[in-house]
Amino acid sequence: MSWDCSVTHHPGLVFATSVGTPIHPRNDCRSFREIIRQAGLRQVRLPDLRHTAASVLLAQGVPARVVMEILGHSQISVTLNIYAHVAPEIAREAAARLEAALWSSE
């Protein structure tokens, strides 16, 4: 896959149509599937990126309120209950911290 740098895109667009205009919301999933196919990547759904973004940001210590704003949610419960997934290594680290707190001699 190669980028066609001869097409002038609107400033700030990550993805654009073949003529450089914004992708219409009705076509975003279809356009995304085509981009993934051309890049030779395994098939992922566009909504999967939201889940991944929320999980990675939270795992990196970004406050949940900030992640909520980035994803455009009006309630933090949506961000935490639907989009945030606990990675196994984070769960193990949390269990180790709890064990250390409960069994420390201090």
PDB file of N, CA and C in Angstrom:
ATOM      1  N   MET A   1       0.844  -1.170   0.000  1.00  0.00           N
ATOM      2  CA  MET A   1       0.000   0.000   0.000  1.00  0.00           C
ATOM      3  C   MET A   1       0.890   1.234   0.000  1.00  0.00           C
ATOM      4  N   SER A   2       0.526   2.215  -0.782  1.00  0.00           N
ATOM      5  CA  SER A   2       1.289   3.455  -0.798  1.00  0.00           C
ATOM      6  C   SER A   2       0.340   4.633  -0.657  1.00  0.00           C
ATOM      7  N   TRP A   3       0.879   5.732  -0.167  1.00  0.00           N
ATOM      8  CA  TRP A   3       0.095   6.944   0.009  1.00  0.00           C
ATOM      9  C   TRP A   3       0.173   7.770  -1.263  1.00  0.00           C
ATOM     10  N   ASP A   4      -0.955   8.304  -1.674  1.00  0.00           N
ATOM     11  CA  ASP A   4      -1.002   9.184  -2.833  1.00  0.00           C
ATOM     12  C   ASP A   4      -0.856  10.613  -2.335  1.00  0.00           C
ATOM     13  N   CYS A   5       0.350  11.118  -2.354  1.00  0.00           N
ATOM     14  CA  CYS A   5       0.632  12.451  -1.824  1.00  0.00           C
ATOM     15  C   CYS A   5       0.205  13.559  -2.774  1.00  0.00           C
ATOM     16  N   SER A   6      -0.238  13.201  -3.960  1.00  0.00           N
ATOM     17  CA  SER A   6      -0.660  14.235  -4.900  1.00  0.00           C
ATOM     18  C   SER A   6      -2.050  14.767  -4.570  1.00  0.00           C
ATOM     19  N   VAL A   7      -2.804  14.032  -3.739  1.00  0.00           N
ATOM     20  CA  VAL A   7      -4.144  14.468  -3.354  1.00  0.00           C
ATOM     21  C   VAL A   7      -4.027  15.425  -2.178  1.00  0.00           C
ATOM     22  N   THR A   8      -4.660  16.574  -2.280  1.00  0.00           N
ATOM     23  CA  THR A   8      -4.643  17.547  -1.190  1.00  0.00           C
ATOM     24  C   THR A   8      -5.779  17.226  -0.235  1.00  0.00           C
ATOM     25  N   HIS A   9      -5.427  16.900   1.015  1.00  0.00           N
ATOM     26  CA  HIS A   9      -6.429  16.586   2.028  1.00  0.00           C
ATOM     27  C   HIS A   9      -6.787  17.823   2.829  1.00  0.00           C
ATOM     28  N   HIS A  10      -7.968  17.771   3.409  1.00  0.00           N
ATOM     29  CA  HIS A  10      -8.346  18.816   4.348  1.00  0.00           C
ATOM     30  C   HIS A  10      -7.370  18.761   5.522  1.00  0.00           C
ATOM     31  N   PRO A  11      -6.989  19.889   6.090  1.00  0.00           N
ATOM     32  CA  PRO A  11      -6.072  19.874   7.240  1.00  0.00           C
ATOM     33  C   PRO A  11      -6.693  19.108   8.410  1.00  0.00           C
ATOM     34  N   GLY A  12      -5.897  18.317   9.062  1.00  0.00           N
ATOM     35  CA  GLY A  12      -6.353  17.600  10.247  1.00  0.00           C
ATOM     36  C   GLY A  12      -7.019  16.268   9.979  1.00  0.00           C
ATOM     37  N   LEU A  13      -7.188  15.874   8.732  1.00  0.00           N
ATOM     38  CA  LEU A  13      -7.808  14.583   8.439  1.00  0.00           C
ATOM     39  C   LEU A  13      -6.764  13.478   8.496  1.00  0.00           C
ATOM     40  N   VAL A  14      -7.119  12.401   9.188  1.00  0.00           N
ATOM     41  CA  VAL A  14      -6.264  11.219   9.191  1.00  0.00           C
ATOM     42  C   VAL A  14      -6.620  10.353   7.987  1.00  0.00           C
ATOM     43  N   PHE A  15      -7.907  10.191   7.752  1.00  0.00           N
ATOM     44  CA  PHE A  15      -8.397   9.427   6.614  1.00  0.00           C
ATOM     45  C   PHE A  15      -9.257  10.346   5.762  1.00  0.00           C
ATOM     46  N   ALA A  16      -9.164  10.186   4.455  1.00  0.00           N
ATOM     47  CA  ALA A  16      -9.951  11.000   3.534  1.00  0.00           C
ATOM     48  C   ALA A  16     -10.363  10.149   2.344  1.00  0.00           C
ATOM     49  N   THR A  17     -11.283  10.685   1.554  1.00  0.00           N
ATOM     50  CA  THR A  17     -11.681   9.996   0.328  1.00  0.00           C
ATOM     51  C   THR A  17     -10.535  10.074  -0.674  1.00  0.00           C
ATOM     52  N   SER A  18     -10.710   9.423  -1.799  1.00  0.00           N
ATOM     53  CA  SER A  18      -9.654   9.427  -2.819  1.00  0.00           C
ATOM     54  C   SER A  18      -9.418  10.805  -3.417  1.00  0.00           C
ATOM     55  N   VAL A  19     -10.362  11.734  -3.216  1.00  0.00           N
ATOM     56  CA  VAL A  19     -10.176  13.099  -3.719  1.00  0.00           C
ATOM     57  C   VAL A  19      -9.839  14.080  -2.598  1.00  0.00           C
ATOM     58  N   GLY A  20      -9.572  13.548  -1.397  1.00  0.00           N
ATOM     59  CA  GLY A  20      -9.102  14.389  -0.305  1.00  0.00           C
ATOM     60  C   GLY A  20     -10.164  15.016   0.564  1.00  0.00           C
ATOM     61  N   THR A  21     -11.414  14.630   0.381  1.00  0.00           N
ATOM     62  CA  THR A  21     -12.485  15.196   1.198  1.00  0.00           C
ATOM     63  C   THR A  21     -12.781  14.289   2.391  1.00  0.00           C
ATOM     64  N   PRO A  22     -13.477  14.807   3.412  1.00  0.00           N
ATOM     65  CA  PRO A  22     -13.816  13.961   4.565  1.00  0.00           C
ATOM     66  C   PRO A  22     -14.682  12.771   4.146  1.00  0.00           C
ATOM     67  N   ILE A  23     -14.502  11.657   4.825  1.00  0.00           N
ATOM     68  CA  ILE A  23     -15.317  10.472   4.577  1.00  0.00           C
ATOM     69  C   ILE A  23     -16.676  10.706   5.221  1.00  0.00           C
ATOM     70  N   HIS A  24     -17.741  10.513   4.468  1.00  0.00           N
ATOM     71  CA  HIS A  24     -19.093  10.696   4.997  1.00  0.00           C
ATOM     72  C   HIS A  24     -19.353   9.635   6.063  1.00  0.00           C
ATOM     73  N   PRO A  25     -20.012  10.005   7.167  1.00  0.00           N
ATOM     74  CA  PRO A  25     -20.260   9.040   8.244  1.00  0.00           C
ATOM     75  C   PRO A  25     -20.936   7.748   7.791  1.00  0.00           C
ATOM     76  N   ARG A  26     -21.782   7.813   6.775  1.00  0.00           N
ATOM     77  CA  ARG A  26     -22.437   6.590   6.290  1.00  0.00           C
ATOM     78  C   ARG A  26     -21.432   5.618   5.688  1.00  0.00           C
ATOM     79  N   ASN A  27     -20.301   6.126   5.253  1.00  0.00           N
ATOM     80  CA  ASN A  27     -19.321   5.293   4.561  1.00  0.00           C
ATOM     81  C   ASN A  27     -18.084   4.979   5.398  1.00  0.00           C
ATOM     82  N   ASP A  28     -18.047   5.429   6.656  1.00  0.00           N
ATOM     83  CA  ASP A  28     -16.804   5.279   7.418  1.00  0.00           C
ATOM     84  C   ASP A  28     -16.406   3.826   7.636  1.00  0.00           C
ATOM     85  N   CYS A  29     -17.355   2.956   7.954  1.00  0.00           N
ATOM     86  CA  CYS A  29     -17.004   1.546   8.173  1.00  0.00           C
ATOM     87  C   CYS A  29     -16.533   0.890   6.877  1.00  0.00           C
ATOM     88  N   ARG A  30     -17.211   1.181   5.784  1.00  0.00           N
ATOM     89  CA  ARG A  30     -16.813   0.616   4.488  1.00  0.00           C
ATOM     90  C   ARG A  30     -15.424   1.115   4.099  1.00  0.00           C
ATOM     91  N   SER A  31     -15.179   2.398   4.289  1.00  0.00           N
ATOM     92  CA  SER A  31     -13.865   2.965   3.967  1.00  0.00           C
ATOM     93  C   SER A  31     -12.783   2.364   4.850  1.00  0.00           C
ATOM     94  N   PHE A  32     -13.084   2.198   6.133  1.00  0.00           N
ATOM     95  CA  PHE A  32     -12.119   1.624   7.061  1.00  0.00           C
ATOM     96  C   PHE A  32     -11.771   0.193   6.665  1.00  0.00           C
ATOM     97  N   ARG A  33     -12.782  -0.607   6.322  1.00  0.00           N
ATOM     98  CA  ARG A  33     -12.521  -1.999   5.893  1.00  0.00           C
ATOM     99  C   ARG A  33     -11.600  -2.029   4.680  1.00  0.00           C
ATOM    100  N   GLU A  34     -11.797  -1.116   3.758  1.00  0.00           N
ATOM    101  CA  GLU A  34     -10.963  -1.065   2.554  1.00  0.00           C
ATOM    102  C   GLU A  34      -9.530  -0.670   2.900  1.00  0.00           C
ATOM    103  N   ILE A  35      -9.361   0.281   3.805  1.00  0.00           N
ATOM    104  CA  ILE A  35      -8.022   0.703   4.239  1.00  0.00           C
ATOM    105  C   ILE A  35      -7.292  -0.470   4.889  1.00  0.00           C
ATOM    106  N   ILE A  36      -7.986  -1.200   5.755  1.00  0.00           N
ATOM    107  CA  ILE A  36      -7.403  -2.363   6.436  1.00  0.00           C
ATOM    108  C   ILE A  36      -7.014  -3.431   5.413  1.00  0.00           C
ATOM    109  N   ARG A  37      -7.902  -3.679   4.443  1.00  0.00           N
ATOM    110  CA  ARG A  37      -7.622  -4.689   3.414  1.00  0.00           C
ATOM    111  C   ARG A  37      -6.395  -4.301   2.604  1.00  0.00           C
ATOM    112  N   GLN A  38      -6.323  -3.051   2.167  1.00  0.00           N
ATOM    113  CA  GLN A  38      -5.195  -2.595   1.358  1.00  0.00           C
ATOM    114  C   GLN A  38      -3.885  -2.641   2.139  1.00  0.00           C
ATOM    115  N   ALA A  39      -3.962  -2.454   3.436  1.00  0.00           N
ATOM    116  CA  ALA A  39      -2.757  -2.489   4.264  1.00  0.00           C
ATOM    117  C   ALA A  39      -2.325  -3.918   4.581  1.00  0.00           C
ATOM    118  N   GLY A  40      -3.167  -4.896   4.233  1.00  0.00           N
ATOM    119  CA  GLY A  40      -2.828  -6.289   4.488  1.00  0.00           C
ATOM    120  C   GLY A  40      -2.948  -6.683   5.949  1.00  0.00           C
ATOM    121  N   LEU A  41      -3.766  -5.960   6.696  1.00  0.00           N
ATOM    122  CA  LEU A  41      -3.946  -6.245   8.117  1.00  0.00           C
ATOM    123  C   LEU A  41      -5.119  -7.185   8.325  1.00  0.00           C
ATOM    124  N   ARG A  42      -5.131  -7.842   9.481  1.00  0.00           N
ATOM    125  CA  ARG A  42      -6.270  -8.704   9.789  1.00  0.00           C
ATOM    126  C   ARG A  42      -7.495  -7.821   9.975  1.00  0.00           C
ATOM    127  N   GLN A  43      -8.646  -8.397   9.720  1.00  0.00           N
ATOM    128  CA  GLN A  43      -9.890  -7.633   9.785  1.00  0.00           C
ATOM    129  C   GLN A  43     -10.206  -7.233  11.227  1.00  0.00           C
ATOM    130  N   VAL A  44     -10.386  -5.971  11.454  1.00  0.00           N
ATOM    131  CA  VAL A  44     -10.870  -5.451  12.732  1.00  0.00           C
ATOM    132  C   VAL A  44     -12.038  -4.525  12.421  1.00  0.00           C
ATOM    133  N   ARG A  45     -12.918  -4.399  13.400  1.00  0.00           N
ATOM    134  CA  ARG A  45     -14.054  -3.500  13.225  1.00  0.00           C
ATOM    135  C   ARG A  45     -13.668  -2.112  13.716  1.00  0.00           C
ATOM    136  N   LEU A  46     -14.246  -1.100  13.131  1.00  0.00           N
ATOM    137  CA  LEU A  46     -13.982   0.270  13.542  1.00  0.00           C
ATOM    138  C   LEU A  46     -14.268   0.478  15.032  1.00  0.00           C
ATOM    139  N   PRO A  47     -15.368  -0.061  15.574  1.00  0.00           N
ATOM    140  CA  PRO A  47     -15.606   0.106  17.012  1.00  0.00           C
ATOM    141  C   PRO A  47     -14.536  -0.544  17.895  1.00  0.00           C
ATOM    142  N   ASP A  48     -13.836  -1.565  17.361  1.00  0.00           N
ATOM    143  CA  ASP A  48     -12.764  -2.196  18.142  1.00  0.00           C
ATOM    144  C   ASP A  48     -11.673  -1.195  18.501  1.00  0.00           C
ATOM    145  N   LEU A  49     -11.470  -0.198  17.656  1.00  0.00           N
ATOM    146  CA  LEU A  49     -10.444   0.810  17.927  1.00  0.00           C
ATOM    147  C   LEU A  49     -10.787   1.637  19.159  1.00  0.00           C
ATOM    148  N   ARG A  50     -12.081   1.884  19.381  1.00  0.00           N
ATOM    149  CA  ARG A  50     -12.499   2.628  20.576  1.00  0.00           C
ATOM    150  C   ARG A  50     -12.183   1.827  21.836  1.00  0.00           C
ATOM    151  N   HIS A  51     -12.492   0.526  21.788  1.00  0.00           N
ATOM    152  CA  HIS A  51     -12.191  -0.334  22.936  1.00  0.00           C
ATOM    153  C   HIS A  51     -10.690  -0.342  23.214  1.00  0.00           C
ATOM    154  N   THR A  52      -9.916  -0.512  22.166  1.00  0.00           N
ATOM    155  CA  THR A  52      -8.467  -0.541  22.319  1.00  0.00           C
ATOM    156  C   THR A  52      -7.945   0.783  22.851  1.00  0.00           C
ATOM    157  N   ALA A  53      -8.411   1.877  22.290  1.00  0.00           N
ATOM    158  CA  ALA A  53      -7.953   3.199  22.734  1.00  0.00           C
ATOM    159  C   ALA A  53      -8.246   3.409  24.209  1.00  0.00           C
ATOM    160  N   ALA A  54      -9.453   3.098  24.641  1.00  0.00           N
ATOM    161  CA  ALA A  54      -9.813   3.284  26.050  1.00  0.00           C
ATOM    162  C   ALA A  54      -8.942   2.419  26.951  1.00  0.00           C
ATOM    163  N   SER A  55      -8.777   1.162  26.589  1.00  0.00           N
ATOM    164  CA  SER A  55      -7.983   0.249  27.415  1.00  0.00           C
ATOM    165  C   SER A  55      -6.527   0.679  27.502  1.00  0.00           C
ATOM    166  N   VAL A  56      -5.939   1.059  26.375  1.00  0.00           N
ATOM    167  CA  VAL A  56      -4.531   1.471  26.363  1.00  0.00           C
ATOM    168  C   VAL A  56      -4.342   2.758  27.161  1.00  0.00           C
ATOM    169  N   LEU A  57      -5.209   3.729  26.956  1.00  0.00           N
ATOM    170  CA  LEU A  57      -5.083   4.992  27.690  1.00  0.00           C
ATOM    171  C   LEU A  57      -5.194   4.771  29.191  1.00  0.00           C
ATOM    172  N   LEU A  58      -6.176   3.979  29.618  1.00  0.00           N
ATOM    173  CA  LEU A  58      -6.331   3.708  31.047  1.00  0.00           C
ATOM    174  C   LEU A  58      -5.132   2.934  31.593  1.00  0.00           C
ATOM    175  N   ALA A  59      -4.634   1.965  30.828  1.00  0.00           N
ATOM    176  CA  ALA A  59      -3.467   1.187  31.264  1.00  0.00           C
ATOM    177  C   ALA A  59      -2.224   2.063  31.386  1.00  0.00           C
ATOM    178  N   GLN A  60      -2.162   3.137  30.603  1.00  0.00           N
ATOM    179  CA  GLN A  60      -1.021   4.055  30.658  1.00  0.00           C
ATOM    180  C   GLN A  60      -1.184   5.106  31.751  1.00  0.00           C
ATOM    181  N   GLY A  61      -2.247   4.994  32.528  1.00  0.00           N
ATOM    182  CA  GLY A  61      -2.433   5.906  33.651  1.00  0.00           C
ATOM    183  C   GLY A  61      -3.172   7.191  33.324  1.00  0.00           C
ATOM    184  N   VAL A  62      -3.745   7.284  32.138  1.00  0.00           N
ATOM    185  CA  VAL A  62      -4.529   8.474  31.800  1.00  0.00           C
ATOM    186  C   VAL A  62      -5.798   8.437  32.651  1.00  0.00           C
ATOM    187  N   PRO A  63      -6.123   9.516  33.336  1.00  0.00           N
ATOM    188  CA  PRO A  63      -7.322   9.523  34.185  1.00  0.00           C
ATOM    189  C   PRO A  63      -8.589   9.181  33.391  1.00  0.00           C
ATOM    190  N   ALA A  64      -9.476   8.434  34.031  1.00  0.00           N
ATOM    191  CA  ALA A  64     -10.706   7.989  33.371  1.00  0.00           C
ATOM    192  C   ALA A  64     -11.517   9.164  32.844  1.00  0.00           C
ATOM    193  N   ARG A  65     -11.529  10.268  33.549  1.00  0.00           N
ATOM    194  CA  ARG A  65     -12.283  11.449  33.111  1.00  0.00           C
ATOM    195  C   ARG A  65     -11.724  11.973  31.781  1.00  0.00           C
ATOM    196  N   VAL A  66     -10.410  11.933  31.616  1.00  0.00           N
ATOM    197  CA  VAL A  66      -9.786  12.385  30.367  1.00  0.00           C
ATOM    198  C   VAL A  66     -10.141  11.427  29.230  1.00  0.00           C
ATOM    199  N   VAL A  67     -10.089  10.133  29.499  1.00  0.00           N
ATOM    200  CA  VAL A  67     -10.452   9.137  28.486  1.00  0.00           C
ATOM    201  C   VAL A  67     -11.910   9.331  28.073  1.00  0.00           C
ATOM    202  N   MET A  68     -12.771   9.602  29.039  1.00  0.00           N
ATOM    203  CA  MET A  68     -14.178   9.866  28.760  1.00  0.00           C
ATOM    204  C   MET A  68     -14.325  11.024  27.773  1.00  0.00           C
ATOM    205  N   GLU A  69     -13.578  12.095  28.008  1.00  0.00           N
ATOM    206  CA  GLU A  69     -13.635  13.270  27.129  1.00  0.00           C
ATOM    207  C   GLU A  69     -13.118  12.942  25.724  1.00  0.00           C
ATOM    208  N   ILE A  70     -12.015  12.206  25.651  1.00  0.00           N
ATOM    209  CA  ILE A  70     -11.439  11.850  24.351  1.00  0.00           C
ATOM    210  C   ILE A  70     -12.434  11.043  23.521  1.00  0.00           C
ATOM    211  N   LEU A  71     -13.126  10.109  24.170  1.00  0.00           N
ATOM    212  CA  LEU A  71     -14.076   9.257  23.462  1.00  0.00           C
ATOM    213  C   LEU A  71     -15.416   9.946  23.223  1.00  0.00           C
ATOM    214  N   GLY A  72     -15.614  11.111  23.837  1.00  0.00           N
ATOM    215  CA  GLY A  72     -16.851  11.858  23.627  1.00  0.00           C
ATOM    216  C   GLY A  72     -18.039  11.350  24.413  1.00  0.00           C
ATOM    217  N   HIS A  73     -17.779  10.687  25.522  1.00  0.00           N
ATOM    218  CA  HIS A  73     -18.867  10.182  26.351  1.00  0.00           C
ATOM    219  C   HIS A  73     -19.363  11.267  27.301  1.00  0.00           C
ATOM    220  N   SER A  74     -20.655  11.226  27.625  1.00  0.00           N
ATOM    221  CA  SER A  74     -21.205  12.193  28.574  1.00  0.00           C
ATOM    222  C   SER A  74     -21.176  11.651  29.996  1.00  0.00           C
ATOM    223  N   GLN A  75     -21.034  10.344  30.142  1.00  0.00           N
ATOM    224  CA  GLN A  75     -20.984   9.730  31.473  1.00  0.00           C
ATOM    225  C   GLN A  75     -19.773   8.812  31.572  1.00  0.00           C
ATOM    226  N   ILE A  76     -19.087   8.910  32.697  1.00  0.00           N
ATOM    227  CA  ILE A  76     -17.884   8.098  32.894  1.00  0.00           C
ATOM    228  C   ILE A  76     -18.217   6.611  32.977  1.00  0.00           C
ATOM    229  N   SER A  77     -19.447   6.285  33.390  1.00  0.00           N
ATOM    230  CA  SER A  77     -19.841   4.877  33.486  1.00  0.00           C
ATOM    231  C   SER A  77     -19.783   4.191  32.119  1.00  0.00           C
ATOM    232  N   VAL A  78     -20.083   4.914  31.053  1.00  0.00           N
ATOM    233  CA  VAL A  78     -19.997   4.331  29.705  1.00  0.00           C
ATOM    234  C   VAL A  78     -18.552   3.957  29.406  1.00  0.00           C
ATOM    235  N   THR A  79     -17.648   4.878  29.694  1.00  0.00           N
ATOM    236  CA  THR A  79     -16.227   4.636  29.431  1.00  0.00           C
ATOM    237  C   THR A  79     -15.729   3.434  30.215  1.00  0.00           C
ATOM    238  N   LEU A  80     -16.035   3.391  31.499  1.00  0.00           N
ATOM    239  CA  LEU A  80     -15.491   2.348  32.362  1.00  0.00           C
ATOM    240  C   LEU A  80     -16.193   1.002  32.199  1.00  0.00           C
ATOM    241  N   ASN A  81     -17.504   1.006  32.016  1.00  0.00           N
ATOM    242  CA  ASN A  81     -18.247  -0.256  31.961  1.00  0.00           C
ATOM    243  C   ASN A  81     -18.252  -0.907  30.585  1.00  0.00           C
ATOM    244  N   ILE A  82     -18.169  -0.119  29.541  1.00  0.00           N
ATOM    245  CA  ILE A  82     -18.277  -0.681  28.193  1.00  0.00           C
ATOM    246  C   ILE A  82     -16.941  -0.725  27.470  1.00  0.00           C
ATOM    247  N   TYR A  83     -16.161   0.327  27.571  1.00  0.00           N
ATOM    248  CA  TYR A  83     -14.972   0.449  26.738  1.00  0.00           C
ATOM    249  C   TYR A  83     -13.665   0.084  27.422  1.00  0.00           C
ATOM    250  N   ALA A  84     -13.631   0.069  28.733  1.00  0.00           N
ATOM    251  CA  ALA A  84     -12.377  -0.211  29.429  1.00  0.00           C
ATOM    252  C   ALA A  84     -12.279  -1.699  29.749  1.00  0.00           C
ATOM    253  N   HIS A  85     -11.202  -2.310  29.329  1.00  0.00           N
ATOM    254  CA  HIS A  85     -10.958  -3.728  29.593  1.00  0.00           C
ATOM    255  C   HIS A  85      -9.668  -3.848  30.393  1.00  0.00           C
ATOM    256  N   VAL A  86      -9.697  -4.723  31.392  1.00  0.00           N
ATOM    257  CA  VAL A  86      -8.517  -4.911  32.227  1.00  0.00           C
ATOM    258  C   VAL A  86      -7.632  -5.974  31.594  1.00  0.00           C
ATOM    259  N   ALA A  87      -6.432  -5.586  31.257  1.00  0.00           N
ATOM    260  CA  ALA A  87      -5.467  -6.531  30.695  1.00  0.00           C
ATOM    261  C   ALA A  87      -5.014  -7.490  31.796  1.00  0.00           C
ATOM    262  N   PRO A  88      -4.744  -8.745  31.453  1.00  0.00           N
ATOM    263  CA  PRO A  88      -4.347  -9.730  32.464  1.00  0.00           C
ATOM    264  C   PRO A  88      -3.144  -9.297  33.302  1.00  0.00           C
ATOM    265  N   GLU A  89      -2.151  -8.655  32.678  1.00  0.00           N
ATOM    266  CA  GLU A  89      -0.974  -8.257  33.447  1.00  0.00           C
ATOM    267  C   GLU A  89      -1.309  -7.170  34.468  1.00  0.00           C
ATOM    268  N   ILE A  90      -2.271  -6.322  34.146  1.00  0.00           N
ATOM    269  CA  ILE A  90      -2.692  -5.286  35.095  1.00  0.00           C
ATOM    270  C   ILE A  90      -3.431  -5.921  36.260  1.00  0.00           C
ATOM    271  N   ALA A  91      -4.261  -6.921  35.980  1.00  0.00           N
ATOM    272  CA  ALA A  91      -4.979  -7.624  37.044  1.00  0.00           C
ATOM    273  C   ALA A  91      -3.998  -8.344  37.966  1.00  0.00           C
ATOM    274  N   ARG A  92      -2.958  -8.956  37.396  1.00  0.00           N
ATOM    275  CA  ARG A  92      -1.952  -9.639  38.225  1.00  0.00           C
ATOM    276  C   ARG A  92      -1.206  -8.641  39.109  1.00  0.00           C
ATOM    277  N   GLU A  93      -0.864  -7.489  38.541  1.00  0.00           N
ATOM    278  CA  GLU A  93      -0.173  -6.452  39.307  1.00  0.00           C
ATOM    279  C   GLU A  93      -1.049  -5.952  40.448  1.00  0.00           C
ATOM    280  N   ALA A  94      -2.332  -5.781  40.191  1.00  0.00           N
ATOM    281  CA  ALA A  94      -3.253  -5.335  41.241  1.00  0.00           C
ATOM    282  C   ALA A  94      -3.334  -6.374  42.355  1.00  0.00           C
ATOM    283  N   ALA A  95      -3.397  -7.650  41.985  1.00  0.00           N
ATOM    284  CA  ALA A  95      -3.444  -8.716  42.989  1.00  0.00           C
ATOM    285  C   ALA A  95      -2.160  -8.745  43.809  1.00  0.00           C
ATOM    286  N   ALA A  96      -1.025  -8.541  43.160  1.00  0.00           N
ATOM    287  CA  ALA A  96       0.259  -8.521  43.874  1.00  0.00           C
ATOM    288  C   ALA A  96       0.321  -7.347  44.846  1.00  0.00           C
ATOM    289  N   ARG A  97      -0.183  -6.198  44.440  1.00  0.00           N
ATOM    290  CA  ARG A  97      -0.196  -5.035  45.335  1.00  0.00           C
ATOM    291  C   ARG A  97      -1.099  -5.275  46.541  1.00  0.00           C
ATOM    292  N   LEU A  98      -2.258  -5.882  46.295  1.00  0.00           N
ATOM    293  CA  LEU A  98      -3.166  -6.194  47.398  1.00  0.00           C
ATOM    294  C   LEU A  98      -2.511  -7.172  48.361  1.00  0.00           C
ATOM    295  N   GLU A  99      -1.886  -8.197  47.822  1.00  0.00           N
ATOM    296  CA  GLU A  99      -1.194  -9.176  48.665  1.00  0.00           C
ATOM    297  C   GLU A  99      -0.107  -8.498  49.496  1.00  0.00           C
ATOM    298  N   ALA A 100       0.667  -7.637  48.879  1.00  0.00           N
ATOM    299  CA  ALA A 100       1.733  -6.937  49.602  1.00  0.00           C
ATOM    300  C   ALA A 100       1.161  -6.060  50.708  1.00  0.00           C
ATOM    301  N   ALA A 101       0.059  -5.397  50.429  1.00  0.00           N
ATOM    302  CA  ALA A 101      -0.551  -4.528  51.443  1.00  0.00           C
ATOM    303  C   ALA A 101      -1.113  -5.335  52.603  1.00  0.00           C
ATOM    304  N   LEU A 102      -1.710  -6.481  52.313  1.00  0.00           N
ATOM    305  CA  LEU A 102      -2.323  -7.289  53.369  1.00  0.00           C
ATOM    306  C   LEU A 102      -1.303  -8.048  54.200  1.00  0.00           C
ATOM    307  N   TRP A 103      -0.213  -8.459  53.595  1.00  0.00           N
ATOM    308  CA  TRP A 103       0.733  -9.324  54.280  1.00  0.00           C
ATOM    309  C   TRP A 103       2.051  -8.652  54.628  1.00  0.00           C
ATOM    310  N   SER A 104       2.136  -7.348  54.424  1.00  0.00           N
ATOM    311  CA  SER A 104       3.389  -6.676  54.779  1.00  0.00           C
ATOM    312  C   SER A 104       3.511  -6.601  56.295  1.00  0.00           C
ATOM    313  N   SER A 105       4.735  -6.599  56.789  1.00  0.00           N
ATOM    314  CA  SER A 105       4.974  -6.584  58.238  1.00  0.00           C
ATOM    315  C   SER A 105       4.981  -5.173  58.800  1.00  0.00           C
ATOM    316  N   GLU A 106       4.820  -4.186  57.974  1.00  0.00           N
ATOM    317  CA  GLU A 106       4.854  -2.793  58.440  1.00  0.00           C
ATOM    318  C   GLU A 106       3.502  -2.323  58.865  1.00  0.00           C
TER     319      GLU A 106
END
